[in-house]
Amino acid sequence: MPLSFTAIDFETANGSPASPCAVGLVRVVDGEIHESLSMLFQPPFPHNWFHDGNIRVHGIRPEDVVDAPNWEEVLPELLLFTEGLTLIAHNASFDMGVLKAAADAVSFDLPNLNYACSLQMARKTYNLESYRLNAVAYAVGHEEFNHHDALADADACARIVLHMAGRHDADSLDELLGATKGRLNQLFV
């Protein structure tokens, strides 16, 4: 398996994992950032309300998505963009939980998806005080990005994974997972 994957990051409208309102995706093919996709959309009903705390974090307001496509329209495009590659997220349990809960909210049957967590790999690669996305991104030299913008966060995740691969001399995702004692997980539906 070459070093090919899709980095993914969701932002949610409220505390429900079934309330995504933005997604950022960055496709890496053979160790190079190949393409990116950013989408704003309406969260699935009845999770389509916005909490002030979430708005403060990511800045997305209800009026920003009022004319946007709904989650059901975006989800097939999101899956098509990944091209079946392993998904990688920083704190993957959150992002995979969002994907699964939001798909369940609209009775969408997800395919079985492989995923890995850049946060877990970073803990085995770097000696840092914090392993939050912005702290790890800063440590690898990706210092200026708009944290909590879904595309910027997915891009930072991709760059962190590429940096870890270089540090471990890993030419494939399997090699990187082996070097960091990471796991390839499956999202079953």
C-alpha atoms as a PDB file:
ATOM      1  CA  MET A   1       0.000   0.000   0.000  1.00  0.00           C
ATOM      2  CA  PRO A   2       1.734   3.250  -1.103  1.00  0.00           C
ATOM      3  CA  LEU A   3       1.521   6.347   1.051  1.00  0.00           C
ATOM      4  CA  SER A   4      -1.929   7.239  -0.218  1.00  0.00           C
ATOM      5  CA  PHE A   5      -4.834   8.317   1.983  1.00  0.00           C
ATOM      6  CA  THR A   6      -7.525  10.946   2.424  1.00  0.00           C
ATOM      7  CA  ALA A   7      -7.244  13.287   5.400  1.00  0.00           C
ATOM      8  CA  ILE A   8     -10.653  14.317   6.709  1.00  0.00           C
ATOM      9  CA  ASP A   9     -11.979  16.816   9.230  1.00  0.00           C
ATOM     10  CA  PHE A  10     -15.540  17.658  10.252  1.00  0.00           C
ATOM     11  CA  GLU A  11     -16.963  20.665  12.046  1.00  0.00           C
ATOM     12  CA  THR A  12     -20.268  20.178  13.860  1.00  0.00           C
ATOM     13  CA  ALA A  13     -23.168  22.553  14.441  1.00  0.00           C
ATOM     14  CA  ASN A  14     -23.732  21.432  18.029  1.00  0.00           C
ATOM     15  CA  GLY A  15     -22.730  18.753  20.520  1.00  0.00           C
ATOM     16  CA  SER A  16     -24.364  15.946  18.565  1.00  0.00           C
ATOM     17  CA  PRO A  17     -22.001  13.863  16.442  1.00  0.00           C
ATOM     18  CA  ALA A  18     -24.862  13.734  13.907  1.00  0.00           C
ATOM     19  CA  SER A  19     -24.614  17.500  13.260  1.00  0.00           C
ATOM     20  CA  PRO A  20     -21.802  18.016  10.727  1.00  0.00           C
ATOM     21  CA  CYS A  21     -21.987  21.342   8.904  1.00  0.00           C
ATOM     22  CA  ALA A  22     -18.584  21.370   7.170  1.00  0.00           C
ATOM     23  CA  VAL A  23     -16.056  18.865   5.923  1.00  0.00           C
ATOM     24  CA  GLY A  24     -12.550  19.230   4.591  1.00  0.00           C
ATOM     25  CA  LEU A  25     -10.819  16.483   2.631  1.00  0.00           C
ATOM     26  CA  VAL A  26      -7.255  16.299   1.343  1.00  0.00           C
ATOM     27  CA  ARG A  27      -6.302  13.396  -0.906  1.00  0.00           C
ATOM     28  CA  VAL A  28      -2.675  12.244  -0.786  1.00  0.00           C
ATOM     29  CA  VAL A  29      -1.476   9.959  -3.584  1.00  0.00           C
ATOM     30  CA  ASP A  30       1.984   8.359  -3.516  1.00  0.00           C
ATOM     31  CA  GLY A  31       3.163  10.711  -0.782  1.00  0.00           C
ATOM     32  CA  GLU A  32       2.036  13.936  -2.495  1.00  0.00           C
ATOM     33  CA  ILE A  33      -0.951  16.156  -1.758  1.00  0.00           C
ATOM     34  CA  HIS A  34      -3.050  15.652  -4.856  1.00  0.00           C
ATOM     35  CA  GLU A  35      -6.405  17.360  -4.397  1.00  0.00           C
ATOM     36  CA  SER A  36      -8.622  18.934  -1.765  1.00  0.00           C
ATOM     37  CA  LEU A  37     -12.332  19.476  -1.254  1.00  0.00           C
ATOM     38  CA  SER A  38     -14.190  21.702   1.181  1.00  0.00           C
ATOM     39  CA  MET A  39     -17.958  21.671   1.636  1.00  0.00           C
ATOM     40  CA  LEU A  40     -20.404  23.592   3.799  1.00  0.00           C
ATOM     41  CA  PHE A  41     -23.818  21.986   4.121  1.00  0.00           C
ATOM     42  CA  GLN A  42     -26.957  21.823   6.208  1.00  0.00           C
ATOM     43  CA  PRO A  43     -26.700  19.315   9.057  1.00  0.00           C
ATOM     44  CA  PRO A  44     -29.213  16.467   9.025  1.00  0.00           C
ATOM     45  CA  PHE A  45     -32.560  17.023  10.735  1.00  0.00           C
ATOM     46  CA  PRO A  46     -33.200  17.049  13.712  1.00  0.00           C
ATOM     47  CA  HIS A  47     -29.556  17.868  14.458  1.00  0.00           C
ATOM     48  CA  ASN A  48     -29.625  21.006  12.301  1.00  0.00           C
ATOM     49  CA  TRP A  49     -29.440  23.641  15.025  1.00  0.00           C
ATOM     50  CA  PHE A  50     -26.307  25.608  15.895  1.00  0.00           C
ATOM     51  CA  HIS A  51     -24.927  25.959  19.412  1.00  0.00           C
ATOM     52  CA  ASP A  52     -23.199  29.229  20.301  1.00  0.00           C
ATOM     53  CA  GLY A  53     -20.154  27.341  21.600  1.00  0.00           C
ATOM     54  CA  ASN A  54     -19.654  25.565  18.286  1.00  0.00           C
ATOM     55  CA  ILE A  55     -20.114  28.830  16.388  1.00  0.00           C
ATOM     56  CA  ARG A  56     -17.401  30.407  18.553  1.00  0.00           C
ATOM     57  CA  VAL A  57     -15.032  27.558  17.676  1.00  0.00           C
ATOM     58  CA  HIS A  58     -15.466  27.401  13.893  1.00  0.00           C
ATOM     59  CA  GLY A  59     -17.370  30.569  13.001  1.00  0.00           C
ATOM     60  CA  ILE A  60     -20.004  28.783  10.906  1.00  0.00           C
ATOM     61  CA  ARG A  61     -23.472  30.251  11.450  1.00  0.00           C
ATOM     62  CA  PRO A  62     -26.918  28.999  10.388  1.00  0.00           C
ATOM     63  CA  GLU A  63     -27.102  31.696   7.705  1.00  0.00           C
ATOM     64  CA  ASP A  64     -23.871  30.341   6.183  1.00  0.00           C
ATOM     65  CA  VAL A  65     -25.566  27.065   5.279  1.00  0.00           C
ATOM     66  CA  VAL A  66     -29.133  28.204   4.578  1.00  0.00           C
ATOM     67  CA  ASP A  67     -28.622  27.920   0.797  1.00  0.00           C
ATOM     68  CA  ALA A  68     -26.056  25.119   1.024  1.00  0.00           C
ATOM     69  CA  PRO A  69     -26.802  21.541  -0.003  1.00  0.00           C
ATOM     70  CA  ASN A  70     -28.021  19.198   2.688  1.00  0.00           C
ATOM     71  CA  TRP A  71     -25.974  16.388   4.205  1.00  0.00           C
ATOM     72  CA  GLU A  72     -27.721  13.717   2.120  1.00  0.00           C
ATOM     73  CA  GLU A  73     -26.565  15.492  -1.063  1.00  0.00           C
ATOM     74  CA  VAL A  74     -22.989  15.972   0.152  1.00  0.00           C
ATOM     75  CA  LEU A  75     -22.333  12.496   1.555  1.00  0.00           C
ATOM     76  CA  PRO A  76     -22.086  10.638  -1.796  1.00  0.00           C
ATOM     77  CA  GLU A  77     -19.722  13.327  -3.132  1.00  0.00           C
ATOM     78  CA  LEU A  78     -17.595  13.039   0.008  1.00  0.00           C
ATOM     79  CA  LEU A  79     -17.306   9.259  -0.400  1.00  0.00           C
ATOM     80  CA  LEU A  80     -16.555   9.550  -4.114  1.00  0.00           C
ATOM     81  CA  PHE A  81     -13.743  12.017  -3.391  1.00  0.00           C
ATOM     82  CA  THR A  82     -11.991   9.573  -1.049  1.00  0.00           C
ATOM     83  CA  GLU A  83     -11.576   7.089  -3.923  1.00  0.00           C
ATOM     84  CA  GLY A  84     -11.745   4.258  -1.379  1.00  0.00           C
ATOM     85  CA  LEU A  85      -8.492   5.354   0.252  1.00  0.00           C
ATOM     86  CA  THR A  86      -7.923   4.986   3.980  1.00  0.00           C
ATOM     87  CA  LEU A  87      -9.286   7.978   5.878  1.00  0.00           C
ATOM     88  CA  ILE A  88      -6.972   9.669   8.367  1.00  0.00           C
ATOM     89  CA  ALA A  89      -8.136  12.205  10.926  1.00  0.00           C
ATOM     90  CA  HIS A  90      -6.515  13.845  13.917  1.00  0.00           C
ATOM     91  CA  ASN A  91      -8.551  12.288  16.735  1.00  0.00           C
ATOM     92  CA  ALA A  92     -10.210   9.898  14.315  1.00  0.00           C
ATOM     93  CA  SER A  93     -12.703   8.608  16.876  1.00  0.00           C
ATOM     94  CA  PHE A  94     -14.418  12.021  16.719  1.00  0.00           C
ATOM     95  CA  ASP A  95     -14.495  12.349  12.935  1.00  0.00           C
ATOM     96  CA  MET A  96     -15.458   8.727  12.286  1.00  0.00           C
ATOM     97  CA  GLY A  97     -18.140   9.045  14.966  1.00  0.00           C
ATOM     98  CA  VAL A  98     -19.503  12.095  13.139  1.00  0.00           C
ATOM     99  CA  LEU A  99     -19.475  10.306   9.793  1.00  0.00           C
ATOM    100  CA  LYS A 100     -21.271   7.263  11.174  1.00  0.00           C
ATOM    101  CA  ALA A 101     -23.821   9.178  13.293  1.00  0.00           C
ATOM    102  CA  ALA A 102     -24.678  11.601  10.491  1.00  0.00           C
ATOM    103  CA  ALA A 103     -25.028   8.766   7.966  1.00  0.00           C
ATOM    104  CA  ASP A 104     -27.281   6.919  10.414  1.00  0.00           C
ATOM    105  CA  ALA A 105     -29.371  10.090  10.899  1.00  0.00           C
ATOM    106  CA  VAL A 106     -30.352   9.980   7.215  1.00  0.00           C
ATOM    107  CA  SER A 107     -30.451   6.161   6.939  1.00  0.00           C
ATOM    108  CA  PHE A 108     -27.485   6.155   4.548  1.00  0.00           C
ATOM    109  CA  ASP A 109     -25.633   2.858   4.270  1.00  0.00           C
ATOM    110  CA  LEU A 110     -21.940   3.664   4.392  1.00  0.00           C
ATOM    111  CA  PRO A 111     -19.499   1.287   2.767  1.00  0.00           C
ATOM    112  CA  ASN A 112     -16.979  -0.327   5.097  1.00  0.00           C
ATOM    113  CA  LEU A 113     -14.220   2.247   5.463  1.00  0.00           C
ATOM    114  CA  ASN A 114     -10.653   1.914   6.702  1.00  0.00           C
ATOM    115  CA  TYR A 115      -9.313   4.689   8.886  1.00  0.00           C
ATOM    116  CA  ALA A 116      -6.344   5.615  11.038  1.00  0.00           C
ATOM    117  CA  CYS A 117      -5.639   8.311  13.615  1.00  0.00           C
ATOM    118  CA  SER A 118      -2.850  10.852  13.148  1.00  0.00           C
ATOM    119  CA  LEU A 119      -3.142  11.809  16.833  1.00  0.00           C
ATOM    120  CA  GLN A 120      -2.220   8.274  17.925  1.00  0.00           C
ATOM    121  CA  MET A 121       0.639   8.135  15.423  1.00  0.00           C
ATOM    122  CA  ALA A 122       1.917  11.554  16.533  1.00  0.00           C
ATOM    123  CA  ARG A 123       2.099  10.380  20.150  1.00  0.00           C
ATOM    124  CA  LYS A 124       4.515   7.643  19.035  1.00  0.00           C
ATOM    125  CA  THR A 125       6.536   9.987  16.822  1.00  0.00           C
ATOM    126  CA  TYR A 126       7.030  13.270  18.662  1.00  0.00           C
ATOM    127  CA  ASN A 127       7.812  14.296  22.220  1.00  0.00           C
ATOM    128  CA  LEU A 128       5.427  17.222  22.706  1.00  0.00           C
ATOM    129  CA  GLU A 129       3.600  18.803  25.610  1.00  0.00           C
ATOM    130  CA  SER A 130       0.364  18.744  23.611  1.00  0.00           C
ATOM    131  CA  TYR A 131      -0.769  16.601  20.713  1.00  0.00           C
ATOM    132  CA  ARG A 132      -3.625  18.865  19.684  1.00  0.00           C
ATOM    133  CA  LEU A 133      -3.740  19.389  15.940  1.00  0.00           C
ATOM    134  CA  ASN A 134      -2.396  22.940  16.040  1.00  0.00           C
ATOM    135  CA  ALA A 135       0.454  21.966  18.397  1.00  0.00           C
ATOM    136  CA  VAL A 136       1.565  19.046  16.221  1.00  0.00           C
ATOM    137  CA  ALA A 137       1.201  21.117  13.044  1.00  0.00           C
ATOM    138  CA  TYR A 138       3.397  23.819  14.584  1.00  0.00           C
ATOM    139  CA  ALA A 139       5.972  21.203  15.626  1.00  0.00           C
ATOM    140  CA  VAL A 140       6.271  19.925  12.039  1.00  0.00           C
ATOM    141  CA  GLY A 141       6.660  23.436  10.627  1.00  0.00           C
ATOM    142  CA  HIS A 142       3.084  23.977   9.445  1.00  0.00           C
ATOM    143  CA  GLU A 143       2.699  27.028  11.623  1.00  0.00           C
ATOM    144  CA  GLU A 144       0.070  29.200   9.993  1.00  0.00           C
ATOM    145  CA  PHE A 145      -3.328  27.736   9.324  1.00  0.00           C
ATOM    146  CA  ASN A 146      -6.889  28.590  10.270  1.00  0.00           C
ATOM    147  CA  HIS A 147      -7.498  26.014  13.006  1.00  0.00           C
ATOM    148  CA  HIS A 148     -11.123  24.782  13.073  1.00  0.00           C
ATOM    149  CA  ASP A 149     -11.583  25.470   9.385  1.00  0.00           C
ATOM    150  CA  ALA A 150     -12.361  21.956   8.139  1.00  0.00           C
ATOM    151  CA  LEU A 151     -10.173  22.155   5.034  1.00  0.00           C
ATOM    152  CA  ALA A 152      -7.274  23.793   6.884  1.00  0.00           C
ATOM    153  CA  ASP A 153      -7.465  21.108   9.574  1.00  0.00           C
ATOM    154  CA  ALA A 154      -7.565  18.285   6.999  1.00  0.00           C
ATOM    155  CA  ASP A 155      -4.587  19.853   5.217  1.00  0.00           C
ATOM    156  CA  ALA A 156      -2.674  20.099   8.509  1.00  0.00           C
ATOM    157  CA  CYS A 157      -3.490  16.449   9.231  1.00  0.00           C
ATOM    158  CA  ALA A 158      -2.190  15.405   5.801  1.00  0.00           C
ATOM    159  CA  ARG A 159       1.029  17.390   6.280  1.00  0.00           C
ATOM    160  CA  ILE A 160       1.563  15.872   9.735  1.00  0.00           C
ATOM    161  CA  VAL A 161       1.168  12.349   8.325  1.00  0.00           C
ATOM    162  CA  LEU A 162       3.607  13.121   5.499  1.00  0.00           C
ATOM    163  CA  HIS A 163       6.105  14.541   8.013  1.00  0.00           C
ATOM    164  CA  MET A 164       5.782  11.436  10.198  1.00  0.00           C
ATOM    165  CA  ALA A 165       6.320   9.207   7.160  1.00  0.00           C
ATOM    166  CA  GLY A 166       9.512  11.095   6.351  1.00  0.00           C
ATOM    167  CA  ARG A 167      10.705  10.911   9.915  1.00  0.00           C
ATOM    168  CA  HIS A 168      10.135   7.143  10.018  1.00  0.00           C
ATOM    169  CA  ASP A 169      11.395   6.519   6.465  1.00  0.00           C
ATOM    170  CA  ALA A 170       7.996   5.017   5.700  1.00  0.00           C
ATOM    171  CA  ASP A 171       7.107   4.619   2.034  1.00  0.00           C
ATOM    172  CA  SER A 172       3.630   3.295   2.688  1.00  0.00           C
ATOM    173  CA  LEU A 173       0.806   3.714   5.135  1.00  0.00           C
ATOM    174  CA  ASP A 174       1.430   0.163   6.361  1.00  0.00           C
ATOM    175  CA  GLU A 175       5.062   1.039   7.135  1.00  0.00           C
ATOM    176  CA  LEU A 176       4.026   4.232   8.931  1.00  0.00           C
ATOM    177  CA  LEU A 177       1.426   2.401  10.995  1.00  0.00           C
ATOM    178  CA  GLY A 178       4.027  -0.235  11.874  1.00  0.00           C
ATOM    179  CA  ALA A 179       6.606   2.368  12.893  1.00  0.00           C
ATOM    180  CA  THR A 180       4.126   4.249  15.088  1.00  0.00           C
ATOM    181  CA  LYS A 181       2.329   1.181  16.435  1.00  0.00           C
ATOM    182  CA  GLY A 182      -0.761   2.646  14.798  1.00  0.00           C
ATOM    183  CA  ARG A 183      -3.814   0.652  13.830  1.00  0.00           C
ATOM    184  CA  LEU A 184      -5.801   0.443  10.671  1.00  0.00           C
ATOM    185  CA  ASN A 185      -9.385   0.483  11.898  1.00  0.00           C
ATOM    186  CA  GLN A 186     -12.603  -0.277  10.085  1.00  0.00           C
ATOM    187  CA  LEU A 187     -15.793   1.713  10.305  1.00  0.00           C
ATOM    188  CA  PHE A 188     -18.510  -0.903  10.123  1.00  0.00           C
ATOM    189  CA  VAL A 189     -22.111   0.015   9.660  1.00  0.00           C
END
